[in-house]
Amino acid sequence: MELKKMFKILSKYIYLFIPIIILGAVIGAKSAKLLPSGYSQSQLFFLASPQESASQNNYYSPFFSQENARNFTDTGTSNS
């Protein structure tokens, strides 16, 4: 469709478009006053460290932590 035809159709129905545009602007302005202004969001986190249970695995944990430290240092040095 050519631009001239679109302007012709628009000018034919201009008396219908203008009241709709004005009505939409009035409704938008009135509803904007009823709605809260701004945007806010909040969230609450509860963080806790894991509790160690009194099981048999805790008895061996110092040994394994020492082994891990020794193995880590062994990989850092070369035995030549």
PDB file of N, CA and C in Angstrom:
ATOM      1  N   MET A   1       0.842  -1.174   0.000  1.00  0.00           N
ATOM      2  CA  MET A   1       0.000   0.000   0.000  1.00  0.00           C
ATOM      3  C   MET A   1       0.887   1.237   0.000  1.00  0.00           C
ATOM      4  N   GLU A   2       0.526   2.158  -0.805  1.00  0.00           N
ATOM      5  CA  GLU A   2       1.320   3.372  -0.917  1.00  0.00           C
ATOM      6  C   GLU A   2       1.053   4.299   0.260  1.00  0.00           C
ATOM      7  N   LEU A   3       1.971   5.208   0.469  1.00  0.00           N
ATOM      8  CA  LEU A   3       1.872   6.149   1.575  1.00  0.00           C
ATOM      9  C   LEU A   3       0.694   7.109   1.376  1.00  0.00           C
ATOM     10  N   LYS A   4       0.420   7.465   0.162  1.00  0.00           N
ATOM     11  CA  LYS A   4      -0.710   8.369  -0.118  1.00  0.00           C
ATOM     12  C   LYS A   4      -2.040   7.719   0.263  1.00  0.00           C
ATOM     13  N   LYS A   5      -2.180   6.416  -0.021  1.00  0.00           N
ATOM     14  CA  LYS A   5      -3.404   5.714   0.335  1.00  0.00           C
ATOM     15  C   LYS A   5      -3.565   5.618   1.852  1.00  0.00           C
ATOM     16  N   MET A   6      -2.450   5.415   2.537  1.00  0.00           N
ATOM     17  CA  MET A   6      -2.516   5.317   3.998  1.00  0.00           C
ATOM     18  C   MET A   6      -2.922   6.653   4.609  1.00  0.00           C
ATOM     19  N   PHE A   7      -2.401   7.759   4.089  1.00  0.00           N
ATOM     20  CA  PHE A   7      -2.794   9.078   4.579  1.00  0.00           C
ATOM     21  C   PHE A   7      -4.261   9.372   4.277  1.00  0.00           C
ATOM     22  N   LYS A   8      -4.742   8.887   3.145  1.00  0.00           N
ATOM     23  CA  LYS A   8      -6.140   9.105   2.773  1.00  0.00           C
ATOM     24  C   LYS A   8      -7.057   8.360   3.743  1.00  0.00           C
ATOM     25  N   ILE A   9      -6.706   7.130   4.076  1.00  0.00           N
ATOM     26  CA  ILE A   9      -7.506   6.355   5.026  1.00  0.00           C
ATOM     27  C   ILE A   9      -7.430   6.979   6.417  1.00  0.00           C
ATOM     28  N   LEU A  10      -6.239   7.411   6.804  1.00  0.00           N
ATOM     29  CA  LEU A  10      -6.064   8.045   8.107  1.00  0.00           C
ATOM     30  C   LEU A  10      -6.865   9.332   8.219  1.00  0.00           C
ATOM     31  N   SER A  11      -6.850  10.134   7.181  1.00  0.00           N
ATOM     32  CA  SER A  11      -7.612  11.390   7.219  1.00  0.00           C
ATOM     33  C   SER A  11      -9.120  11.128   7.200  1.00  0.00           C
ATOM     34  N   LYS A  12      -9.540  10.006   6.639  1.00  0.00           N
ATOM     35  CA  LYS A  12     -10.959   9.665   6.603  1.00  0.00           C
ATOM     36  C   LYS A  12     -11.469   9.304   8.005  1.00  0.00           C
ATOM     37  N   TYR A  13     -10.621   8.623   8.804  1.00  0.00           N
ATOM     38  CA  TYR A  13     -11.021   8.181  10.136  1.00  0.00           C
ATOM     39  C   TYR A  13     -10.350   8.975  11.266  1.00  0.00           C
ATOM     40  N   ILE A  14      -9.887  10.178  10.978  1.00  0.00           N
ATOM     41  CA  ILE A  14      -9.192  10.984  11.973  1.00  0.00           C
ATOM     42  C   ILE A  14     -10.096  11.338  13.149  1.00  0.00           C
ATOM     43  N   TYR A  15     -11.399  11.517  12.911  1.00  0.00           N
ATOM     44  CA  TYR A  15     -12.331  11.867  13.980  1.00  0.00           C
ATOM     45  C   TYR A  15     -12.597  10.677  14.901  1.00  0.00           C
ATOM     46  N   LEU A  16     -12.237   9.495  14.484  1.00  0.00           N
ATOM     47  CA  LEU A  16     -12.342   8.323  15.344  1.00  0.00           C
ATOM     48  C   LEU A  16     -11.038   8.108  16.121  1.00  0.00           C
ATOM     49  N   PHE A  17      -9.895   8.394  15.497  1.00  0.00           N
ATOM     50  CA  PHE A  17      -8.599   8.156  16.137  1.00  0.00           C
ATOM     51  C   PHE A  17      -8.302   9.152  17.262  1.00  0.00           C
ATOM     52  N   ILE A  18      -8.647  10.408  17.068  1.00  0.00           N
ATOM     53  CA  ILE A  18      -8.309  11.438  18.060  1.00  0.00           C
ATOM     54  C   ILE A  18      -9.000  11.185  19.402  1.00  0.00           C
ATOM     55  N   PRO A  19     -10.299  10.884  19.462  1.00  0.00           N
ATOM     56  CA  PRO A  19     -10.901  10.595  20.772  1.00  0.00           C
ATOM     57  C   PRO A  19     -10.319   9.351  21.449  1.00  0.00           C
ATOM     58  N   ILE A  20      -9.975   8.356  20.658  1.00  0.00           N
ATOM     59  CA  ILE A  20      -9.369   7.144  21.236  1.00  0.00           C
ATOM     60  C   ILE A  20      -8.004   7.471  21.843  1.00  0.00           C
ATOM     61  N   ILE A  21      -7.226   8.291  21.162  1.00  0.00           N
ATOM     62  CA  ILE A  21      -5.912   8.684  21.674  1.00  0.00           C
ATOM     63  C   ILE A  21      -6.055   9.510  22.954  1.00  0.00           C
ATOM     64  N   ILE A  22      -6.996  10.440  22.953  1.00  0.00           N
ATOM     65  CA  ILE A  22      -7.206  11.276  24.143  1.00  0.00           C
ATOM     66  C   ILE A  22      -7.727  10.428  25.302  1.00  0.00           C
ATOM     67  N   LEU A  23      -8.646   9.531  25.043  1.00  0.00           N
ATOM     68  CA  LEU A  23      -9.180   8.652  26.078  1.00  0.00           C
ATOM     69  C   LEU A  23      -8.069   7.764  26.663  1.00  0.00           C
ATOM     70  N   GLY A  24      -7.196   7.251  25.820  1.00  0.00           N
ATOM     71  CA  GLY A  24      -6.080   6.436  26.297  1.00  0.00           C
ATOM     72  C   GLY A  24      -5.122   7.236  27.162  1.00  0.00           C
ATOM     73  N   ALA A  25      -4.864   8.492  26.788  1.00  0.00           N
ATOM     74  CA  ALA A  25      -3.974   9.342  27.582  1.00  0.00           C
ATOM     75  C   ALA A  25      -4.577   9.657  28.940  1.00  0.00           C
ATOM     76  N   VAL A  26      -5.877   9.920  28.973  1.00  0.00           N
ATOM     77  CA  VAL A  26      -6.544  10.223  30.250  1.00  0.00           C
ATOM     78  C   VAL A  26      -6.551   8.993  31.155  1.00  0.00           C
ATOM     79  N   ILE A  27      -6.875   7.843  30.617  1.00  0.00           N
ATOM     80  CA  ILE A  27      -6.879   6.605  31.413  1.00  0.00           C
ATOM     81  C   ILE A  27      -5.477   6.293  31.915  1.00  0.00           C
ATOM     82  N   GLY A  28      -4.476   6.492  31.083  1.00  0.00           N
ATOM     83  CA  GLY A  28      -3.096   6.246  31.502  1.00  0.00           C
ATOM     84  C   GLY A  28      -2.653   7.176  32.614  1.00  0.00           C
ATOM     85  N   ALA A  29      -3.023   8.454  32.529  1.00  0.00           N
ATOM     86  CA  ALA A  29      -2.639   9.419  33.564  1.00  0.00           C
ATOM     87  C   ALA A  29      -3.346   9.119  34.881  1.00  0.00           C
ATOM     88  N   LYS A  30      -4.615   8.767  34.823  1.00  0.00           N
ATOM     89  CA  LYS A  30      -5.359   8.453  36.050  1.00  0.00           C
ATOM     90  C   LYS A  30      -4.841   7.179  36.701  1.00  0.00           C
ATOM     91  N   SER A  31      -4.559   6.163  35.912  1.00  0.00           N
ATOM     92  CA  SER A  31      -4.078   4.902  36.491  1.00  0.00           C
ATOM     93  C   SER A  31      -2.648   5.033  37.020  1.00  0.00           C
ATOM     94  N   ALA A  32      -1.864   5.950  36.470  1.00  0.00           N
ATOM     95  CA  ALA A  32      -0.510   6.153  36.973  1.00  0.00           C
ATOM     96  C   ALA A  32      -0.523   6.754  38.370  1.00  0.00           C
ATOM     97  N   LYS A  33      -1.543   7.532  38.676  1.00  0.00           N
ATOM     98  CA  LYS A  33      -1.646   8.112  40.022  1.00  0.00           C
ATOM     99  C   LYS A  33      -2.078   7.069  41.039  1.00  0.00           C
ATOM    100  N   LEU A  34      -2.797   6.046  40.624  1.00  0.00           N
ATOM    101  CA  LEU A  34      -3.259   5.016  41.547  1.00  0.00           C
ATOM    102  C   LEU A  34      -2.188   3.971  41.848  1.00  0.00           C
ATOM    103  N   LEU A  35      -1.299   3.735  40.918  1.00  0.00           N
ATOM    104  CA  LEU A  35      -0.268   2.722  41.098  1.00  0.00           C
ATOM    105  C   LEU A  35       0.874   3.266  41.947  1.00  0.00           C
ATOM    106  N   PRO A  36       1.551   2.391  42.708  1.00  0.00           N
ATOM    107  CA  PRO A  36       2.685   2.867  43.511  1.00  0.00           C
ATOM    108  C   PRO A  36       3.845   3.279  42.610  1.00  0.00           C
ATOM    109  N   SER A  37       4.554   4.302  43.031  1.00  0.00           N
ATOM    110  CA  SER A  37       5.668   4.784  42.207  1.00  0.00           C
ATOM    111  C   SER A  37       6.944   4.046  42.580  1.00  0.00           C
ATOM    112  N   GLY A  38       7.804   3.861  41.628  1.00  0.00           N
ATOM    113  CA  GLY A  38       9.091   3.213  41.860  1.00  0.00           C
ATOM    114  C   GLY A  38       8.967   1.703  41.866  1.00  0.00           C
ATOM    115  N   TYR A  39      10.094   1.084  42.034  1.00  0.00           N
ATOM    116  CA  TYR A  39      10.172  -0.369  42.052  1.00  0.00           C
ATOM    117  C   TYR A  39      11.088  -0.766  43.185  1.00  0.00           C
ATOM    118  N   SER A  40      10.669  -1.686  43.997  1.00  0.00           N
ATOM    119  CA  SER A  40      11.528  -2.162  45.079  1.00  0.00           C
ATOM    120  C   SER A  40      11.422  -3.671  45.175  1.00  0.00           C
ATOM    121  N   GLN A  41      12.518  -4.265  45.584  1.00  0.00           N
ATOM    122  CA  GLN A  41      12.562  -5.706  45.734  1.00  0.00           C
ATOM    123  C   GLN A  41      13.435  -6.006  46.931  1.00  0.00           C
ATOM    124  N   SER A  42      13.021  -6.941  47.734  1.00  0.00           N
ATOM    125  CA  SER A  42      13.828  -7.335  48.880  1.00  0.00           C
ATOM    126  C   SER A  42      13.830  -8.852  48.988  1.00  0.00           C
ATOM    127  N   GLN A  43      14.910  -9.349  49.531  1.00  0.00           N
ATOM    128  CA  GLN A  43      15.054 -10.775  49.694  1.00  0.00           C
ATOM    129  C   GLN A  43      15.870 -11.023  50.939  1.00  0.00           C
ATOM    130  N   LEU A  44      15.516 -12.041  51.691  1.00  0.00           N
ATOM    131  CA  LEU A  44      16.163 -12.326  52.960  1.00  0.00           C
ATOM    132  C   LEU A  44      16.828 -13.690  52.882  1.00  0.00           C
ATOM    133  N   PHE A  45      18.105 -13.736  53.242  1.00  0.00           N
ATOM    134  CA  PHE A  45      18.853 -14.982  53.226  1.00  0.00           C
ATOM    135  C   PHE A  45      19.244 -15.358  54.647  1.00  0.00           C
ATOM    136  N   PHE A  46      19.147 -16.612  54.985  1.00  0.00           N
ATOM    137  CA  PHE A  46      19.638 -17.135  56.242  1.00  0.00           C
ATOM    138  C   PHE A  46      20.827 -18.033  55.930  1.00  0.00           C
ATOM    139  N   LEU A  47      22.003 -17.619  56.362  1.00  0.00           N
ATOM    140  CA  LEU A  47      23.212 -18.387  56.100  1.00  0.00           C
ATOM    141  C   LEU A  47      23.685 -19.025  57.396  1.00  0.00           C
ATOM    142  N   ALA A  48      24.084 -20.264  57.308  1.00  0.00           N
ATOM    143  CA  ALA A  48      24.597 -20.965  58.479  1.00  0.00           C
ATOM    144  C   ALA A  48      25.714 -21.883  58.037  1.00  0.00           C
ATOM    145  N   SER A  49      26.719 -22.008  58.877  1.00  0.00           N
ATOM    146  CA  SER A  49      27.803 -22.936  58.568  1.00  0.00           C
ATOM    147  C   SER A  49      27.347 -24.349  58.888  1.00  0.00           C
ATOM    148  N   PRO A  50      27.821 -25.315  58.147  1.00  0.00           N
ATOM    149  CA  PRO A  50      27.374 -26.690  58.391  1.00  0.00           C
ATOM    150  C   PRO A  50      27.864 -27.184  59.759  1.00  0.00           C
ATOM    151  N   GLN A  51      27.016 -27.875  60.445  1.00  0.00           N
ATOM    152  CA  GLN A  51      27.344 -28.430  61.754  1.00  0.00           C
ATOM    153  C   GLN A  51      28.056 -29.766  61.561  1.00  0.00           C
ATOM    154  N   GLU A  52      29.130 -29.957  62.315  1.00  0.00           N
ATOM    155  CA  GLU A  52      29.829 -31.244  62.249  1.00  0.00           C
ATOM    156  C   GLU A  52      29.131 -32.211  63.186  1.00  0.00           C
ATOM    157  N   SER A  53      28.847 -33.370  62.678  1.00  0.00           N
ATOM    158  CA  SER A  53      28.183 -34.370  63.502  1.00  0.00           C
ATOM    159  C   SER A  53      29.239 -35.191  64.242  1.00  0.00           C
ATOM    160  N   ALA A  54      28.866 -35.711  65.367  1.00  0.00           N
ATOM    161  CA  ALA A  54      29.788 -36.508  66.190  1.00  0.00           C
ATOM    162  C   ALA A  54      29.759 -37.944  65.694  1.00  0.00           C
ATOM    163  N   SER A  55      30.362 -38.176  64.545  1.00  0.00           N
ATOM    164  CA  SER A  55      30.392 -39.528  63.993  1.00  0.00           C
ATOM    165  C   SER A  55      31.837 -40.019  63.956  1.00  0.00           C
ATOM    166  N   GLN A  56      32.011 -41.215  63.497  1.00  0.00           N
ATOM    167  CA  GLN A  56      33.335 -41.825  63.461  1.00  0.00           C
ATOM    168  C   GLN A  56      34.234 -41.147  62.415  1.00  0.00           C
ATOM    169  N   ASN A  57      33.652 -40.523  61.407  1.00  0.00           N
ATOM    170  CA  ASN A  57      34.449 -39.865  60.372  1.00  0.00           C
ATOM    171  C   ASN A  57      35.224 -38.686  60.931  1.00  0.00           C
ATOM    172  N   ASN A  58      34.700 -38.018  61.959  1.00  0.00           N
ATOM    173  CA  ASN A  58      35.397 -36.884  62.543  1.00  0.00           C
ATOM    174  C   ASN A  58      36.660 -37.313  63.279  1.00  0.00           C
ATOM    175  N   TYR A  59      36.701 -38.540  63.708  1.00  0.00           N
ATOM    176  CA  TYR A  59      37.884 -39.050  64.411  1.00  0.00           C
ATOM    177  C   TYR A  59      39.084 -39.095  63.464  1.00  0.00           C
ATOM    178  N   TYR A  60      38.858 -39.426  62.208  1.00  0.00           N
ATOM    179  CA  TYR A  60      39.945 -39.563  61.246  1.00  0.00           C
ATOM    180  C   TYR A  60      40.223 -38.275  60.458  1.00  0.00           C
ATOM    181  N   SER A  61      39.397 -37.243  60.620  1.00  0.00           N
ATOM    182  CA  SER A  61      39.561 -36.049  59.810  1.00  0.00           C
ATOM    183  C   SER A  61      40.910 -35.356  60.002  1.00  0.00           C
ATOM    184  N   PRO A  62      41.516 -35.260  61.198  1.00  0.00           N
ATOM    185  CA  PRO A  62      42.849 -34.644  61.286  1.00  0.00           C
ATOM    186  C   PRO A  62      43.901 -35.410  60.483  1.00  0.00           C
ATOM    187  N   PHE A  63      43.812 -36.744  60.488  1.00  0.00           N
ATOM    188  CA  PHE A  63      44.775 -37.543  59.735  1.00  0.00           C
ATOM    189  C   PHE A  63      44.657 -37.251  58.242  1.00  0.00           C
ATOM    190  N   PHE A  64      43.423 -37.214  57.736  1.00  0.00           N
ATOM    191  CA  PHE A  64      43.251 -36.986  56.308  1.00  0.00           C
ATOM    192  C   PHE A  64      43.618 -35.564  55.907  1.00  0.00           C
ATOM    193  N   SER A  65      43.389 -34.580  56.775  1.00  0.00           N
ATOM    194  CA  SER A  65      43.781 -33.215  56.437  1.00  0.00           C
ATOM    195  C   SER A  65      45.296 -33.089  56.403  1.00  0.00           C
ATOM    196  N   GLN A  66      45.996 -33.800  57.296  1.00  0.00           N
ATOM    197  CA  GLN A  66      47.464 -33.793  57.255  1.00  0.00           C
ATOM    198  C   GLN A  66      47.974 -34.496  56.008  1.00  0.00           C
ATOM    199  N   GLU A  67      47.319 -35.592  55.638  1.00  0.00           N
ATOM    200  CA  GLU A  67      47.718 -36.299  54.426  1.00  0.00           C
ATOM    201  C   GLU A  67      47.506 -35.432  53.185  1.00  0.00           C
ATOM    202  N   ASN A  68      46.396 -34.725  53.139  1.00  0.00           N
ATOM    203  CA  ASN A  68      46.125 -33.835  51.995  1.00  0.00           C
ATOM    204  C   ASN A  68      47.160 -32.724  51.929  1.00  0.00           C
ATOM    205  N   ALA A  69      47.530 -32.166  53.068  1.00  0.00           N
ATOM    206  CA  ALA A  69      48.542 -31.108  53.080  1.00  0.00           C
ATOM    207  C   ALA A  69      49.893 -31.653  52.640  1.00  0.00           C
ATOM    208  N   ARG A  70      50.261 -32.849  53.122  1.00  0.00           N
ATOM    209  CA  ARG A  70      51.540 -33.448  52.730  1.00  0.00           C
ATOM    210  C   ARG A  70      51.560 -33.763  51.241  1.00  0.00           C
ATOM    211  N   ASN A  71      50.480 -34.317  50.727  1.00  0.00           N
ATOM    212  CA  ASN A  71      50.419 -34.638  49.295  1.00  0.00           C
ATOM    213  C   ASN A  71      50.468 -33.374  48.445  1.00  0.00           C
ATOM    214  N   PHE A  72      49.867 -32.296  48.905  1.00  0.00           N
ATOM    215  CA  PHE A  72      49.900 -31.051  48.159  1.00  0.00           C
ATOM    216  C   PHE A  72      51.320 -30.501  48.108  1.00  0.00           C
ATOM    217  N   THR A  73      52.022 -30.543  49.236  1.00  0.00           N
ATOM    218  CA  THR A  73      53.390 -30.019  49.232  1.00  0.00           C
ATOM    219  C   THR A  73      54.330 -30.924  48.457  1.00  0.00           C
ATOM    220  N   ASP A  74      54.046 -32.217  48.404  1.00  0.00           N
ATOM    221  CA  ASP A  74      54.875 -33.129  47.622  1.00  0.00           C
ATOM    222  C   ASP A  74      54.760 -32.829  46.137  1.00  0.00           C
ATOM    223  N   THR A  75      53.598 -32.403  45.686  1.00  0.00           N
ATOM    224  CA  THR A  75      53.442 -32.112  44.260  1.00  0.00           C
ATOM    225  C   THR A  75      54.105 -30.804  43.902  1.00  0.00           C
ATOM    226  N   GLY A  76      54.326 -29.924  44.877  1.00  0.00           N
ATOM    227  CA  GLY A  76      54.942 -28.627  44.621  1.00  0.00           C
ATOM    228  C   GLY A  76      56.447 -28.692  44.517  1.00  0.00           C
ATOM    229  N   THR A  77      57.063 -29.733  45.047  1.00  0.00           N
ATOM    230  CA  THR A  77      58.532 -29.865  45.025  1.00  0.00           C
ATOM    231  C   THR A  77      58.912 -31.046  44.154  1.00  0.00           C
ATOM    232  N   SER A  78      60.079 -30.972  43.608  1.00  0.00           N
ATOM    233  CA  SER A  78      60.551 -32.086  42.795  1.00  0.00           C
ATOM    234  C   SER A  78      61.664 -32.819  43.542  1.00  0.00           C
ATOM    235  N   ASN A  79      61.655 -34.122  43.481  1.00  0.00           N
ATOM    236  CA  ASN A  79      62.676 -34.952  44.139  1.00  0.00           C
ATOM    237  C   ASN A  79      63.680 -35.411  43.075  1.00  0.00           C
ATOM    238  N   SER A  80      64.704 -34.619  42.827  1.00  0.00           N
ATOM    239  CA  SER A  80      65.653 -35.026  41.809  1.00  0.00           C
ATOM    240  C   SER A  80      66.992 -35.354  42.405  1.00  0.00           C
TER     241      SER A  80
END
